[in-house]
Structure formats: structure tokens, C-alpha cells
N, C-alpha and C. Protein backbone atom coordinates (compact mmCIF):
# COMPACT_ATOMS: atom_id res chain seq x y z
N MET A 1 -8.04 -2.02 -10.24
CA MET A 1 -7.54 -1.44 -9.60
C MET A 1 -7.04 0.02 -9.70
N PRO A 2 -7.47 0.46 -9.25
CA PRO A 2 -6.48 2.36 -8.93
C PRO A 2 -4.91 1.93 -8.56
N VAL A 3 -4.02 2.11 -9.55
CA VAL A 3 -2.39 2.02 -8.80
C VAL A 3 -2.25 4.02 -8.48
N VAL A 4 -2.05 3.73 -6.99
CA VAL A 4 -1.61 5.35 -6.71
C VAL A 4 0.19 5.92 -7.45
N PHE A 5 0.58 4.81 -7.59
CA PHE A 5 2.06 5.89 -7.63
C PHE A 5 2.86 4.06 -7.86
N ARG A 6 3.72 4.01 -8.98
CA ARG A 6 4.80 3.47 -9.04
C ARG A 6 6.51 3.71 -8.40
N TYR A 7 7.07 2.30 -8.26
CA TYR A 7 8.42 3.21 -7.50
C TYR A 7 9.66 1.75 -7.78
N GLU A 8 10.14 1.48 -8.57
CA GLU A 8 11.15 0.97 -9.23
C GLU A 8 10.97 -0.39 -9.29
N GLY A 9 9.65 -0.45 -9.81
CA GLY A 9 8.94 -1.73 -10.62
C GLY A 9 8.12 -1.71 -10.19
N TYR A 10 8.04 -1.05 -8.64
CA TYR A 10 6.61 -1.65 -7.55
C TYR A 10 5.54 -0.88 -7.98
N ARG A 11 4.17 -1.72 -8.15
CA ARG A 11 3.31 -1.08 -8.21
C ARG A 11 2.25 -1.26 -7.25
N PHE A 12 2.07 0.74 -7.05
CA PHE A 12 1.24 0.75 -5.09
C PHE A 12 -0.13 0.70 -5.23
N PHE A 13 -1.05 -0.01 -5.12
CA PHE A 13 -2.48 0.32 -5.85
C PHE A 13 -3.18 -0.43 -4.54
N PHE A 14 -4.73 -0.30 -4.44
CA PHE A 14 -5.88 -0.43 -4.61
C PHE A 14 -6.55 -1.76 -5.19
N PHE A 15 -7.58 -2.57 -4.33
CA PHE A 15 -8.43 -3.03 -5.41
C PHE A 15 -9.41 -2.41 -4.99
N SER A 16 -10.23 -2.94 -5.82
CA SER A 16 -11.22 -1.40 -6.32
C SER A 16 -12.57 -1.84 -5.30
N ASN A 17 -12.08 -2.59 -4.89
CA ASN A 17 -13.60 -3.13 -3.69
C ASN A 17 -13.05 -3.37 -2.17
N GLU A 18 -12.61 -2.68 -2.07
CA GLU A 18 -11.63 -2.69 -0.75
C GLU A 18 -12.21 -1.35 0.28
N GLY A 19 -13.15 -0.21 -0.74
CA GLY A 19 -13.53 0.08 0.83
C GLY A 19 -14.56 0.52 2.24
N ASP A 20 -14.39 -0.91 2.29
CA ASP A 20 -15.16 -1.02 3.53
C ASP A 20 -14.38 -0.85 4.31
N PRO A 21 -16.09 0.82 4.78
CA PRO A 21 -15.34 1.89 6.75
C PRO A 21 -14.91 0.53 7.35
N LEU A 22 -15.27 -0.37 7.82
CA LEU A 22 -14.25 -1.26 8.69
C LEU A 22 -12.99 -1.78 8.63
N GLU A 23 -12.26 -1.42 7.46
CA GLU A 23 -11.31 -1.73 7.13
C GLU A 23 -10.11 -0.65 6.91
N PRO A 24 -9.02 -0.19 8.01
CA PRO A 24 -8.69 0.58 7.54
C PRO A 24 -7.90 1.29 6.27
N CYS A 25 -6.84 1.50 5.80
CA CYS A 25 -6.78 2.34 5.11
C CYS A 25 -5.78 1.66 4.49
N HIS A 26 -4.80 1.02 3.70
CA HIS A 26 -3.54 0.68 3.16
C HIS A 26 -3.83 0.27 1.54
N ILE A 27 -2.44 -0.31 2.02
CA ILE A 27 -1.99 -0.07 -0.03
C ILE A 27 -1.41 -1.44 0.02
N HIS A 28 -1.42 -2.47 -1.51
CA HIS A 28 -0.92 -3.26 -1.70
C HIS A 28 -0.14 -2.77 -3.20
N LEU A 29 1.43 -3.41 -3.03
CA LEU A 29 2.13 -2.83 -3.79
C LEU A 29 2.86 -4.69 -4.10
N ARG A 30 2.72 -4.87 -5.43
CA ARG A 30 3.42 -5.88 -6.38
C ARG A 30 4.42 -5.73 -6.96
N LYS A 31 5.09 -6.81 -7.86
CA LYS A 31 6.54 -6.93 -8.60
C LYS A 31 7.20 -8.03 -9.19
N GLY A 32 6.11 -7.85 -10.35
CA GLY A 32 6.78 -9.43 -10.93
C GLY A 32 5.65 -10.69 -9.25
N GLU A 33 6.25 -11.15 -9.38
CA GLU A 33 5.14 -12.40 -8.57
C GLU A 33 5.70 -12.02 -6.47
N ALA A 34 6.47 -11.27 -6.75
CA ALA A 34 6.17 -10.31 -4.84
C ALA A 34 4.97 -9.21 -4.71
N ILE A 35 4.68 -9.70 -3.13
CA ILE A 35 3.29 -9.10 -3.28
C ILE A 35 4.17 -8.61 -1.48
N ALA A 36 3.15 -7.37 -1.20
CA ALA A 36 2.66 -7.13 -0.12
C ALA A 36 1.47 -6.23 0.55
N LYS A 37 1.34 -5.81 1.49
CA LYS A 37 0.56 -4.81 1.87
C LYS A 37 0.47 -4.12 3.39
N PHE A 38 0.77 -3.11 3.44
CA PHE A 38 1.11 -2.36 4.53
C PHE A 38 -0.64 -1.07 4.91
N TRP A 39 -0.76 -1.35 6.69
CA TRP A 39 -1.71 -0.36 7.12
C TRP A 39 -0.78 0.30 6.80
N THR A 40 -1.84 1.13 6.63
CA THR A 40 -0.94 3.22 7.06
C THR A 40 -1.90 3.66 8.04
N THR A 41 -3.09 3.34 8.72
CA THR A 41 -3.26 3.38 9.54
C THR A 41 -3.69 2.68 10.79
N PRO A 42 -3.62 2.76 12.65
CA PRO A 42 -2.98 4.57 13.02
C PRO A 42 -1.65 4.55 12.23
N GLU A 43 -0.88 3.27 11.93
CA GLU A 43 0.62 3.76 11.96
C GLU A 43 0.78 2.86 10.47
N ILE A 44 1.90 2.65 10.29
CA ILE A 44 2.68 2.14 8.86
C ILE A 44 3.00 0.83 9.43
N LYS A 45 2.33 -0.50 9.04
CA LYS A 45 2.03 -1.66 9.61
C LYS A 45 2.28 -2.47 8.39
N LEU A 46 3.09 -3.22 8.33
CA LEU A 46 3.44 -4.57 7.08
C LEU A 46 2.00 -5.73 7.69
N ALA A 47 0.98 -5.52 7.21
CA ALA A 47 -0.03 -6.77 7.03
C ALA A 47 0.43 -8.45 5.81
N GLU A 48 1.05 -8.06 5.36
CA GLU A 48 1.62 -9.64 4.64
C GLU A 48 2.58 -9.57 3.69
N SER A 49 3.44 -10.58 3.76
CA SER A 49 4.31 -10.25 2.26
C SER A 49 4.69 -11.57 1.80
N TYR A 50 5.24 -11.64 0.18
CA TYR A 50 5.34 -13.15 -0.34
C TYR A 50 6.23 -12.58 -0.42
N GLY A 51 7.25 -13.35 -1.11
CA GLY A 51 8.69 -13.09 -2.17
C GLY A 51 9.48 -11.83 -1.92
N LEU A 52 9.16 -10.99 -0.65
CA LEU A 52 10.44 -10.18 0.05
C LEU A 52 11.08 -10.69 0.42
N SER A 53 13.04 -9.69 0.32
CA SER A 53 13.66 -9.80 1.71
C SER A 53 13.53 -8.73 2.61
N SER A 54 13.89 -9.40 4.01
CA SER A 54 13.85 -7.88 5.12
C SER A 54 14.08 -6.56 4.76
N THR A 55 15.40 -6.87 3.57
CA THR A 55 16.10 -5.77 3.39
C THR A 55 15.03 -4.88 2.33
N GLU A 56 14.17 -5.37 1.67
CA GLU A 56 13.14 -5.09 0.23
C GLU A 56 12.55 -4.34 1.39
N LEU A 57 11.24 -4.99 2.27
CA LEU A 57 10.28 -4.57 3.26
C LEU A 57 10.77 -3.42 4.08
N ARG A 58 12.04 -3.36 4.67
CA ARG A 58 12.65 -2.17 5.18
C ARG A 58 12.13 -1.27 4.29
N LYS A 59 12.43 -1.39 3.23
CA LYS A 59 12.71 -0.23 1.39
C LYS A 59 11.64 0.45 1.55
N LEU A 60 10.43 -0.80 1.19
CA LEU A 60 9.21 -0.71 1.19
C LEU A 60 8.44 0.46 1.65
N HIS A 61 8.55 -0.07 3.11
CA HIS A 61 8.25 0.68 4.26
C HIS A 61 8.49 2.66 4.40
N ARG A 62 9.53 2.42 4.27
CA ARG A 62 10.07 3.71 4.52
C ARG A 62 9.65 4.74 2.62
N VAL A 63 8.79 3.58 1.76
CA VAL A 63 8.66 4.25 0.84
C VAL A 63 7.51 4.48 0.73
N VAL A 64 6.73 3.86 1.36
CA VAL A 64 5.23 3.87 2.27
C VAL A 64 4.73 5.19 2.52
N ASN A 65 5.97 4.91 4.14
CA ASN A 65 5.81 6.38 4.76
C ASN A 65 5.78 7.57 4.09
N ASP A 66 7.08 7.65 3.26
CA ASP A 66 7.27 8.92 2.22
C ASP A 66 6.05 9.09 1.72
N ASN A 67 5.20 8.28 1.12
CA ASN A 67 4.21 8.68 0.60
C ASN A 67 2.48 8.67 1.47
N LYS A 68 2.20 8.54 2.63
CA LYS A 68 1.38 8.11 3.47
C LYS A 68 0.66 9.17 2.84
N ALA A 69 0.05 9.84 2.90
CA ALA A 69 -0.04 11.37 2.90
C ALA A 69 -0.87 10.92 1.49
N LEU A 70 -0.22 10.83 0.24
CA LEU A 70 -0.92 10.64 -0.59
C LEU A 70 -1.30 9.62 -1.01
N ILE A 71 -1.23 8.30 -0.28
CA ILE A 71 -1.64 7.05 -0.72
C ILE A 71 -3.06 7.11 0.36
N GLU A 72 -3.26 7.79 1.88
CA GLU A 72 -4.53 8.02 2.40
C GLU A 72 -5.36 9.41 1.98
N GLU A 73 -4.65 10.46 0.72
CA GLU A 73 -5.91 11.04 0.10
C GLU A 73 -6.47 10.52 -0.95
N LYS A 74 -5.75 9.25 -2.19
CA LYS A 74 -6.36 8.75 -2.55
C LYS A 74 -7.21 7.44 -2.13
N TRP A 75 -7.09 6.95 -1.24
CA TRP A 75 -7.66 6.26 -1.05
C TRP A 75 -9.41 7.05 -0.74
N HIS A 76 -9.41 7.97 0.03
CA HIS A 76 -10.67 8.93 0.28
C HIS A 76 -10.89 9.02 -0.74
N GLU A 77 -10.49 9.73 -1.83
CA GLU A 77 -11.00 9.83 -2.63
C GLU A 77 -11.78 8.81 -3.65
N TYR A 78 -11.04 8.19 -3.79
CA TYR A 78 -11.72 6.51 -4.26
C TYR A 78 -13.08 5.76 -4.01
N PHE A 79 -12.76 5.70 -2.77
CA PHE A 79 -13.48 5.12 -1.41
C PHE A 79 -14.16 5.93 -1.76
N LYS A 80 -14.80 7.39 -1.20
CA LYS A 80 -15.65 8.48 -0.68
C LYS A 80 -15.57 8.02 0.77
N ILE A 81 -14.93 8.04 1.32
CA ILE A 81 -14.68 7.34 2.70
C ILE A 81 -14.16 9.01 4.12
């Protein structure tokens, strides 16, 4: 699992088998048992989450938004898409 960055104990990463060109760029995150997945294309949108409050999800949405360019750069670099 390539880790793109860490933020306040959250690990933002891709699964290494996700480079399907039919699936848009997205990022997973985990902190303990809490997990979430955000789409970054065409807009940042929560795909799924478990164990995170709405306050945490709003904060994490901002973190993904602030790092969108980095996430997409690393996605294309890693998956050669």
C-alpha cells in the first residue's frame, strides 16, 4: 500500500491493485479502526466511511482538498495512468 502522506495520525494511501483506468482517482485513509475513501475526480466526494464522526469527515474532506494535486500526481505516477 503506497502511503501518500500522513496527517494527525491518519495514513492516506492507495491499495496497490487499484490502478484500473475505469475507476477514478481516489484516496483511502485510516486511523486505528476508522477508515474512509474519498474520490478526487471529478470533485472531492466521500465514497464511504466507518468509525468517523461528521466533524472528522468535514476536516478530512478539507485535508483531501488541500492535497488534491499531490494525491492525483502520486496516483498517476504510481499507476502509470
